[in-house]
Amino acid sequence: MTSRIIRSLFAVFFLPALSNAQYTFFNPKGSFAIETSLENTDELRMPMYRNAMSSLVVSGDFVVGGTTAEKGMSPLLFTSSLSQRKLTAVKQLDDVIKGQSSIGTGFMKVKAGNVFYAGTMPQPGTGLGGHIIKLQVDVHGQLFVKDVGEPVAGEGIFAMTFNPAKNEFYGIVHPSGKFFTYNLKTGKTELYNQTVPSVQDLNTYHSFALTPHDYLGRALVVDARGRVYGSKAINKLFCFDPATRSFTILKDELPFVWGREVMGRIDAWVKMPDGTIYGSNAADGQLFRLDQIKQTVVNLGKPIMMPRIMTMTAGKNRMLYGVAGGTPGYAHLFSYHPEKGFRDLGNPEFPMVTPGLEQGINWRGFQIASMATAQSGNYIIMGENEALSQLMVFPAENLP
């Protein structure tokens, strides 16, 4: 424990170039922003307060997105063409499932073709539950959405992942923190209490004024053996083995700065093309690598002096990209390479130029909540988390 604290404090206070990118703007050649939310034209746009991009994936030429809406409003599903640099389809989730507020789990591809799944969160105070939804994208970028079902009555789907070998979804529900499995073929749900905070945990969270939105793990990941990892109270990592339907708690906790472990939880996971798994701790914005063989945690430190790493995605040649920081500050794009370490790339600022609609705007991304990598690997796509959110795209660096 003491050695982990010392390593964490070292990562916080001795990072190179702590403020080099504080006022640096990242605008590499070939980057661009796609206007999706400014209602200043007759072109297709998403309305304000419903377009915070909480989930992204790429299907061929199309970016597929799911949003989070303000209270009482329906979230949206959309597609946008990378080649045409414009929004191609928008669909209200309310047209398929009533009373939902967010599509925040990310998208899971479970078969060949342009078919994806995601989980939803309901409007607070309605007593409704979250649903699993199925999306299909056609060659024109048009969306077809189907309600798969409500796996846990009255509970939202806060985090979810999929294991194609088992044909199963795994999720964490809100607000209880229970863990569920959902078999896509049979429609059967299994519910587990091993990830639920104890009474003592809840009292501790209450003393820090933390709600389930603040302490439940935001993401799950499946390793090469099909085991599922996530976070639970307090600052712990759990592993669920589908083969034995059993849970274990990893010996290593999430990396933390002393005194802040109560706020520790998984913010994001990313599985690299070579199978390496990285995770982030929301409390202090620390990146770590999961050793899948030893089931241990390797603390890699902090990219910037702010909490949160809300989203990450794979680049080329073992490069990882992520977004650190957030309100009340602003987002910093960073990269990490296992040999080169961290680079704070600063605040992204990309030209917004849609063919035929020459806005001439340099769009700056202050709050970013989602990322995806194009299937070609050539582009990294970021989704804003604002009242007026745009897509921001830059070429993946091809560094050796």
Protein backbone atom coordinates (compact mmCIF):
# COMPACT_ATOMS: atom_id res chain seq x y z
CA MET A 1 0.00 0.00 0.00
CA THR A 2 2.75 2.47 1.02
CA SER A 3 4.72 1.89 -2.19
CA ARG A 4 1.60 2.48 -4.31
CA ILE A 5 0.96 5.78 -2.49
CA ILE A 6 4.56 6.90 -3.02
CA ARG A 7 4.41 6.01 -6.74
CA SER A 8 1.11 7.88 -7.06
CA LEU A 9 2.48 11.00 -5.33
CA PHE A 10 5.55 10.87 -7.59
CA ALA A 11 3.30 10.72 -10.65
CA VAL A 12 1.39 13.78 -9.45
CA PHE A 13 4.27 16.04 -8.46
CA PHE A 14 7.06 15.09 -10.86
CA LEU A 15 5.38 14.89 -14.23
CA PRO A 16 7.37 16.43 -17.08
CA ALA A 17 6.01 19.54 -18.76
CA LEU A 18 3.23 20.09 -16.23
CA SER A 19 1.95 23.26 -17.85
CA ASN A 20 3.53 23.25 -21.30
CA ALA A 21 0.18 22.59 -22.97
CA GLN A 22 -2.03 24.62 -20.64
CA TYR A 23 -2.65 27.20 -23.36
CA THR A 24 -1.51 25.14 -26.34
CA PHE A 25 -3.97 24.31 -29.08
CA PHE A 26 -3.76 21.04 -30.97
CA ASN A 27 -4.47 21.58 -34.67
CA PRO A 28 -2.53 19.09 -36.79
CA LYS A 29 -2.66 19.13 -40.57
CA GLY A 30 -5.69 17.24 -41.86
CA SER A 31 -7.84 17.80 -38.77
CA PHE A 32 -11.42 19.08 -39.08
CA ALA A 33 -14.65 19.59 -37.15
CA ILE A 34 -18.03 18.38 -38.40
CA GLU A 35 -20.88 20.74 -37.60
CA THR A 36 -23.75 18.76 -36.08
CA SER A 37 -25.48 21.13 -33.66
CA LEU A 38 -25.45 24.76 -34.80
CA GLU A 39 -28.98 25.48 -35.95
CA ASN A 40 -27.92 28.25 -38.34
CA THR A 41 -28.73 26.51 -41.59
CA ASP A 42 -31.34 24.39 -43.36
CA GLU A 43 -28.91 21.45 -43.23
CA LEU A 44 -29.65 18.55 -40.88
CA ARG A 45 -28.70 19.42 -37.29
CA MET A 46 -29.28 18.15 -33.74
CA PRO A 47 -31.15 20.46 -31.35
CA MET A 48 -29.50 22.09 -28.33
CA TYR A 49 -29.32 20.41 -24.91
CA ARG A 50 -29.85 16.95 -26.42
CA ASN A 51 -26.59 16.44 -28.29
CA ALA A 52 -23.87 15.78 -25.69
CA MET A 53 -22.03 12.91 -27.41
CA SER A 54 -21.66 10.23 -24.74
CA SER A 55 -21.10 7.23 -27.07
CA LEU A 56 -19.29 6.91 -30.42
CA VAL A 57 -18.29 4.16 -32.84
CA VAL A 58 -17.28 4.11 -36.52
CA SER A 59 -18.95 2.01 -39.19
CA GLY A 60 -17.10 2.36 -42.49
CA ASP A 61 -17.42 6.00 -43.55
CA PHE A 62 -19.96 6.78 -40.85
CA VAL A 63 -19.49 7.94 -37.29
CA VAL A 64 -22.36 6.54 -35.20
CA GLY A 65 -23.24 8.44 -32.04
CA GLY A 66 -25.52 8.33 -29.02
CA THR A 67 -26.18 11.37 -26.86
CA THR A 68 -27.15 12.44 -23.37
CA ALA A 69 -30.03 14.90 -23.06
CA GLU A 70 -31.01 17.43 -20.43
CA LYS A 71 -33.74 16.46 -17.96
CA GLY A 72 -37.10 15.82 -19.62
CA MET A 73 -35.64 15.62 -23.13
CA SER A 74 -35.03 12.58 -25.33
CA PRO A 75 -31.48 11.57 -26.28
CA LEU A 76 -30.57 11.14 -29.93
CA LEU A 77 -28.89 8.63 -32.20
CA PHE A 78 -27.07 9.97 -35.24
CA THR A 79 -24.68 9.21 -38.07
CA SER A 80 -22.19 11.52 -39.75
CA SER A 81 -20.15 10.94 -42.91
CA LEU A 82 -16.39 11.37 -42.59
CA SER A 83 -15.90 11.81 -46.33
CA GLN A 84 -18.75 14.29 -46.76
CA ARG A 85 -18.06 15.92 -43.40
CA LYS A 86 -21.72 16.28 -42.55
CA LEU A 87 -24.53 14.85 -40.46
CA THR A 88 -26.43 12.16 -42.38
CA ALA A 89 -29.16 10.91 -40.00
CA VAL A 90 -30.72 11.81 -36.64
CA LYS A 91 -33.22 9.70 -34.71
CA GLN A 92 -34.95 10.37 -31.38
CA LEU A 93 -34.64 7.48 -28.95
CA ASP A 94 -38.09 8.48 -27.71
CA ASP A 95 -39.52 7.19 -30.99
CA VAL A 96 -38.46 3.68 -29.91
CA ILE A 97 -38.28 3.77 -26.09
CA LYS A 98 -40.02 6.36 -23.91
CA GLY A 99 -38.56 8.04 -20.85
CA GLN A 100 -34.82 7.65 -21.47
CA SER A 101 -32.16 10.28 -20.83
CA SER A 102 -28.81 8.93 -22.01
CA ILE A 103 -26.92 6.50 -24.24
CA GLY A 104 -23.67 6.40 -22.32
CA THR A 105 -22.31 2.86 -22.39
CA GLY A 106 -20.54 3.11 -25.71
CA PHE A 107 -21.43 0.84 -28.65
CA MET A 108 -20.69 -2.87 -28.90
CA LYS A 109 -20.30 -4.66 -32.22
CA VAL A 110 -21.40 -8.26 -31.85
CA LYS A 111 -21.43 -9.69 -35.38
CA ALA A 112 -20.28 -9.09 -38.93
CA GLY A 113 -22.00 -6.19 -40.62
CA ASN A 114 -23.00 -2.78 -39.37
CA VAL A 115 -24.91 -3.90 -36.26
CA PHE A 116 -24.24 -2.38 -32.83
CA TYR A 117 -25.72 -2.50 -29.33
CA ALA A 118 -25.78 0.00 -26.47
CA GLY A 119 -27.41 0.53 -23.09
CA THR A 120 -29.56 3.44 -21.92
CA MET A 121 -30.26 5.34 -18.72
CA PRO A 122 -33.85 6.40 -17.89
CA GLN A 123 -35.07 9.83 -16.89
CA PRO A 124 -34.55 10.24 -13.11
CA GLY A 125 -37.54 9.87 -10.84
CA THR A 126 -39.69 8.00 -13.37
CA GLY A 127 -39.19 4.49 -11.99
CA LEU A 128 -38.34 3.32 -15.49
CA GLY A 129 -35.35 1.12 -16.32
CA GLY A 130 -32.64 1.29 -18.93
CA HIS A 131 -32.87 -0.76 -22.12
CA ILE A 132 -30.49 -2.54 -24.44
CA ILE A 133 -30.92 -1.17 -27.96
CA LYS A 134 -29.86 -2.58 -31.32
CA LEU A 135 -28.73 -0.31 -34.16
CA GLN A 136 -28.22 -1.13 -37.79
CA VAL A 137 -26.59 1.31 -40.22
CA ASP A 138 -27.25 1.02 -43.95
CA VAL A 139 -24.94 2.04 -46.80
CA HIS A 140 -26.43 5.56 -46.80
CA GLY A 141 -25.86 6.07 -43.09
CA GLN A 142 -29.52 5.70 -42.18
CA LEU A 143 -30.30 4.24 -38.74
CA PHE A 144 -32.66 1.44 -37.78
CA VAL A 145 -33.19 1.07 -34.02
CA LYS A 146 -34.80 -1.79 -32.11
CA ASP A 147 -35.61 -2.17 -28.41
CA VAL A 148 -33.99 -5.43 -27.22
CA GLY A 149 -35.42 -5.19 -23.71
CA GLU A 150 -35.03 -4.00 -20.13
CA PRO A 151 -32.55 -6.38 -18.44
CA VAL A 152 -33.13 -5.11 -14.87
CA ALA A 153 -36.51 -3.56 -14.07
CA GLY A 154 -36.34 -0.03 -12.70
CA GLU A 155 -32.53 0.27 -13.02
CA GLY A 156 -30.53 2.14 -15.62
CA ILE A 157 -27.62 0.62 -17.55
CA PHE A 158 -24.63 2.59 -16.30
CA ALA A 159 -21.88 0.49 -17.90
CA MET A 160 -21.96 -2.44 -20.33
CA THR A 161 -19.71 -4.63 -22.45
CA PHE A 162 -20.11 -7.75 -24.58
CA ASN A 163 -18.37 -11.13 -24.87
CA PRO A 164 -19.01 -12.58 -28.36
CA ALA A 165 -17.69 -16.01 -27.34
CA LYS A 166 -20.46 -16.29 -24.73
CA ASN A 167 -23.01 -14.19 -26.63
CA GLU A 168 -23.49 -12.27 -23.38
CA PHE A 169 -23.70 -8.69 -22.25
CA TYR A 170 -22.30 -7.72 -18.85
CA GLY A 171 -23.38 -4.56 -17.10
CA ILE A 172 -23.57 -2.42 -13.98
CA VAL A 173 -26.98 -0.95 -13.16
CA HIS A 174 -27.81 2.40 -11.60
CA PRO A 175 -28.47 3.23 -8.80
CA SER A 176 -27.92 -0.07 -6.96
CA GLY A 177 -24.57 -1.02 -8.53
CA LYS A 178 -25.65 -4.61 -9.16
CA PHE A 179 -23.91 -6.63 -11.87
CA PHE A 180 -25.96 -8.36 -14.58
CA THR A 181 -25.44 -10.77 -17.44
CA TYR A 182 -27.83 -10.82 -20.39
CA ASN A 183 -27.79 -13.61 -22.95
CA LEU A 184 -28.54 -12.19 -26.38
CA LYS A 185 -29.89 -15.46 -27.75
CA THR A 186 -32.14 -16.53 -24.85
CA GLY A 187 -32.97 -13.11 -23.41
CA LYS A 188 -32.17 -14.44 -19.93
CA THR A 189 -30.84 -12.06 -17.27
CA GLU A 190 -28.78 -13.06 -14.23
CA LEU A 191 -28.33 -10.54 -11.41
CA TYR A 192 -25.48 -10.45 -8.87
CA ASN A 193 -25.04 -8.45 -5.64
CA GLN A 194 -21.25 -8.83 -5.28
CA THR A 195 -20.62 -5.37 -6.76
CA VAL A 196 -23.17 -3.53 -4.56
CA PRO A 197 -21.67 -1.08 -2.00
CA SER A 198 -22.05 -2.15 1.62
CA VAL A 199 -23.85 -0.03 4.22
CA GLN A 200 -20.46 1.12 5.47
CA ASP A 201 -19.42 2.03 1.92
CA LEU A 202 -22.62 4.01 1.41
CA ASN A 203 -22.09 5.88 4.69
CA THR A 204 -18.58 6.78 3.56
CA TYR A 205 -19.85 7.97 0.19
CA HIS A 206 -22.56 10.00 1.92
CA SER A 207 -19.96 11.76 4.07
CA PHE A 208 -18.22 12.85 0.85
CA ALA A 209 -21.58 13.88 -0.72
CA LEU A 210 -21.13 11.31 -3.49
CA THR A 211 -24.09 9.89 -5.40
CA PRO A 212 -24.22 6.67 -7.49
CA HIS A 213 -23.33 8.76 -10.55
CA ASP A 214 -20.11 9.69 -8.75
CA TYR A 215 -18.98 6.30 -7.46
CA LEU A 216 -20.28 3.58 -9.78
CA GLY A 217 -17.74 2.38 -12.35
CA ARG A 218 -18.42 3.89 -15.77
CA ALA A 219 -17.02 1.08 -17.90
CA LEU A 220 -16.33 -2.66 -18.11
CA VAL A 221 -13.82 -4.61 -20.19
CA VAL A 222 -13.38 -8.25 -21.25
CA ASP A 223 -9.88 -9.74 -21.26
CA ALA A 224 -8.38 -12.38 -23.57
CA ARG A 225 -9.79 -15.18 -21.39
CA GLY A 226 -13.30 -13.73 -21.37
CA ARG A 227 -13.11 -12.40 -17.82
CA VAL A 228 -14.87 -9.11 -17.07
CA TYR A 229 -13.25 -6.27 -15.08
CA GLY A 230 -14.77 -3.23 -13.42
CA SER A 231 -14.56 -1.15 -10.25
CA LYS A 232 -16.51 -1.35 -7.01
CA ALA A 233 -16.46 0.29 -3.59
CA ILE A 234 -14.10 1.51 -2.36
CA ASN A 235 -11.37 1.97 -4.98
CA LYS A 236 -11.32 -1.76 -5.74
CA LEU A 237 -11.20 -3.71 -9.00
CA PHE A 238 -13.33 -6.81 -9.43
CA CYS A 239 -13.13 -9.68 -11.91
CA PHE A 240 -16.12 -11.76 -13.00
CA ASP A 241 -15.37 -15.15 -14.55
CA PRO A 242 -18.26 -16.25 -16.81
CA ALA A 243 -16.98 -19.84 -16.78
CA THR A 244 -17.53 -20.23 -13.03
CA ARG A 245 -20.02 -17.34 -12.52
CA SER A 246 -17.77 -16.15 -9.69
CA PHE A 247 -16.24 -12.86 -8.56
CA THR A 248 -12.79 -12.07 -7.23
CA ILE A 249 -11.34 -8.81 -5.91
CA LEU A 250 -7.94 -7.90 -7.30
CA LYS A 251 -5.18 -7.45 -4.72
CA ASP A 252 -4.11 -4.16 -6.34
CA GLU A 253 -6.43 -1.21 -5.91
CA LEU A 254 -6.89 1.59 -8.42
CA PRO A 255 -3.88 3.96 -8.37
CA PHE A 256 -4.72 6.91 -6.14
CA VAL A 257 -3.41 10.05 -4.51
CA TRP A 258 -3.42 9.66 -0.74
CA GLY A 259 -6.68 10.82 0.84
CA ARG A 260 -8.68 10.62 -2.39
CA GLU A 261 -9.18 6.87 -2.72
CA VAL A 262 -12.85 7.21 -1.70
CA MET A 263 -13.53 8.85 -5.07
CA GLY A 264 -11.72 6.16 -7.03
CA ARG A 265 -13.62 4.39 -9.81
CA ILE A 266 -13.08 3.29 -13.38
CA ASP A 267 -13.64 6.13 -15.83
CA ALA A 268 -12.69 4.31 -19.05
CA TRP A 269 -11.09 1.16 -20.47
CA VAL A 270 -9.47 0.63 -23.85
CA LYS A 271 -8.32 -2.64 -25.40
CA MET A 272 -5.48 -2.09 -27.86
CA PRO A 273 -5.09 -4.03 -31.14
CA ASP A 274 -2.34 -6.16 -29.53
CA GLY A 275 -4.65 -7.05 -26.62
CA THR A 276 -3.12 -4.69 -24.04
CA ILE A 277 -5.75 -3.27 -21.68
CA TYR A 278 -5.49 0.24 -20.23
CA GLY A 279 -7.80 1.78 -17.64
CA SER A 280 -8.23 5.13 -15.96
CA ASN A 281 -9.18 6.26 -12.47
CA ALA A 282 -11.71 9.10 -12.52
CA ALA A 283 -10.75 10.55 -9.13
CA ASP A 284 -7.23 11.60 -10.03
CA GLY A 285 -7.05 11.09 -13.79
CA GLN A 286 -4.44 8.35 -13.56
CA LEU A 287 -3.73 5.87 -16.34
CA PHE A 288 -2.83 2.27 -15.60
CA ARG A 289 -2.19 -0.97 -17.45
CA LEU A 290 -3.94 -4.18 -16.44
CA ASP A 291 -1.63 -7.20 -16.35
CA GLN A 292 -4.08 -9.88 -17.46
CA ILE A 293 -1.85 -12.81 -16.51
CA LYS A 294 -0.94 -11.70 -13.00
CA GLN A 295 -4.18 -9.71 -12.57
CA THR A 296 -2.21 -6.78 -11.24
CA VAL A 297 -2.23 -3.03 -11.89
CA VAL A 298 0.73 -1.08 -13.31
CA ASN A 299 0.36 2.62 -12.47
CA LEU A 300 1.49 4.80 -15.41
CA GLY A 301 0.82 8.21 -13.82
CA LYS A 302 -1.13 11.33 -14.79
CA PRO A 303 -1.08 13.05 -18.19
CA ILE A 304 -2.15 16.42 -16.70
CA MET A 305 -2.72 17.97 -13.26
CA MET A 306 -6.49 17.45 -13.31
CA PRO A 307 -8.89 14.60 -12.45
CA ARG A 308 -10.76 12.44 -14.97
CA ILE A 309 -9.81 10.52 -18.07
CA MET A 310 -13.32 10.11 -19.42
CA THR A 311 -12.51 8.45 -22.71
CA MET A 312 -9.66 6.74 -24.58
CA THR A 313 -9.10 5.05 -27.93
CA ALA A 314 -6.34 3.22 -29.79
CA GLY A 315 -4.09 4.92 -32.34
CA LYS A 316 -1.39 3.46 -34.57
CA ASN A 317 1.81 1.67 -33.51
CA ARG A 318 0.72 1.14 -29.87
CA MET A 319 -0.23 4.79 -29.42
CA LEU A 320 -3.15 5.50 -27.09
CA TYR A 321 -5.14 8.74 -27.21
CA GLY A 322 -7.29 10.02 -24.37
CA VAL A 323 -9.02 13.08 -23.00
CA ALA A 324 -8.10 14.21 -19.50
CA GLY A 325 -9.69 16.91 -17.39
CA GLY A 326 -13.11 18.48 -17.64
CA THR A 327 -15.36 20.93 -15.84
CA PRO A 328 -14.65 23.33 -14.21
CA GLY A 329 -11.48 23.24 -16.32
CA TYR A 330 -11.31 22.19 -19.94
CA ALA A 331 -10.32 19.02 -21.72
CA HIS A 332 -6.75 18.20 -22.72
CA LEU A 333 -6.07 15.71 -25.44
CA PHE A 334 -3.12 13.49 -24.57
CA SER A 335 -1.26 10.54 -26.01
CA TYR A 336 0.56 7.68 -24.32
CA HIS A 337 3.09 5.26 -25.78
CA PRO A 338 4.62 2.46 -23.70
CA GLU A 339 8.14 3.56 -24.70
CA LYS A 340 7.70 7.31 -25.19
CA GLY A 341 5.35 8.02 -22.28
CA PHE A 342 2.82 10.87 -22.08
CA ARG A 343 2.38 13.93 -24.29
CA ASP A 344 -0.08 16.65 -23.28
CA LEU A 345 -1.33 17.77 -26.70
CA GLY A 346 -3.42 20.60 -25.30
CA ASN A 347 -6.85 21.82 -26.30
CA PRO A 348 -8.03 20.64 -29.77
CA GLU A 349 -8.96 23.42 -32.20
CA PHE A 350 -9.97 22.26 -35.68
CA PRO A 351 -11.28 24.09 -38.77
CA MET A 352 -14.99 23.60 -39.41
CA VAL A 353 -15.41 23.52 -43.18
CA THR A 354 -18.27 21.49 -44.61
CA PRO A 355 -18.10 21.15 -48.41
CA GLY A 356 -20.58 23.67 -49.82
CA LEU A 357 -20.98 25.42 -46.46
CA GLU A 358 -17.83 27.40 -45.78
CA GLN A 359 -18.18 28.38 -42.12
CA GLY A 360 -14.58 29.48 -41.70
CA ILE A 361 -14.70 28.69 -37.96
CA ASN A 362 -11.89 27.28 -35.87
CA TRP A 363 -13.89 25.13 -33.48
CA ARG A 364 -12.35 24.57 -30.05
CA GLY A 365 -13.31 21.52 -27.96
CA PHE A 366 -13.58 22.46 -24.29
CA GLN A 367 -15.54 19.45 -22.97
CA ILE A 368 -15.10 16.05 -24.66
CA ALA A 369 -16.75 12.85 -23.45
CA SER A 370 -16.29 10.21 -26.17
CA MET A 371 -13.71 8.95 -28.67
CA ALA A 372 -13.53 6.35 -31.43
CA THR A 373 -11.00 5.15 -34.00
CA ALA A 374 -11.96 4.80 -37.64
CA GLN A 375 -11.95 1.21 -38.86
CA SER A 376 -9.08 2.07 -41.20
CA GLY A 377 -7.15 3.33 -38.18
CA ASN A 378 -6.42 6.58 -40.00
CA TYR A 379 -8.69 8.93 -38.04
CA ILE A 380 -9.40 9.59 -34.37
CA ILE A 381 -12.88 10.99 -33.71
CA MET A 382 -13.91 12.93 -30.60
CA GLY A 383 -17.43 13.84 -29.46
CA GLU A 384 -18.12 16.96 -27.42
CA ASN A 385 -20.09 17.03 -24.17
CA GLU A 386 -21.75 20.41 -24.56
CA ALA A 387 -25.12 22.05 -25.17
CA LEU A 388 -23.92 22.50 -28.76
CA SER A 389 -21.66 19.55 -29.50
CA GLN A 390 -19.66 18.96 -32.65
CA LEU A 391 -17.53 16.07 -33.91
CA MET A 392 -13.78 16.69 -33.98
CA VAL A 393 -11.55 14.56 -36.22
CA PHE A 394 -7.78 14.34 -36.61
CA PRO A 395 -5.40 11.95 -38.42
CA ALA A 396 -3.89 9.24 -36.24
CA GLU A 397 -0.15 9.87 -35.98
CA ASN A 398 1.97 7.22 -37.64
CA LEU A 399 4.93 7.55 -35.28
CA PRO A 400 7.38 4.61 -35.12
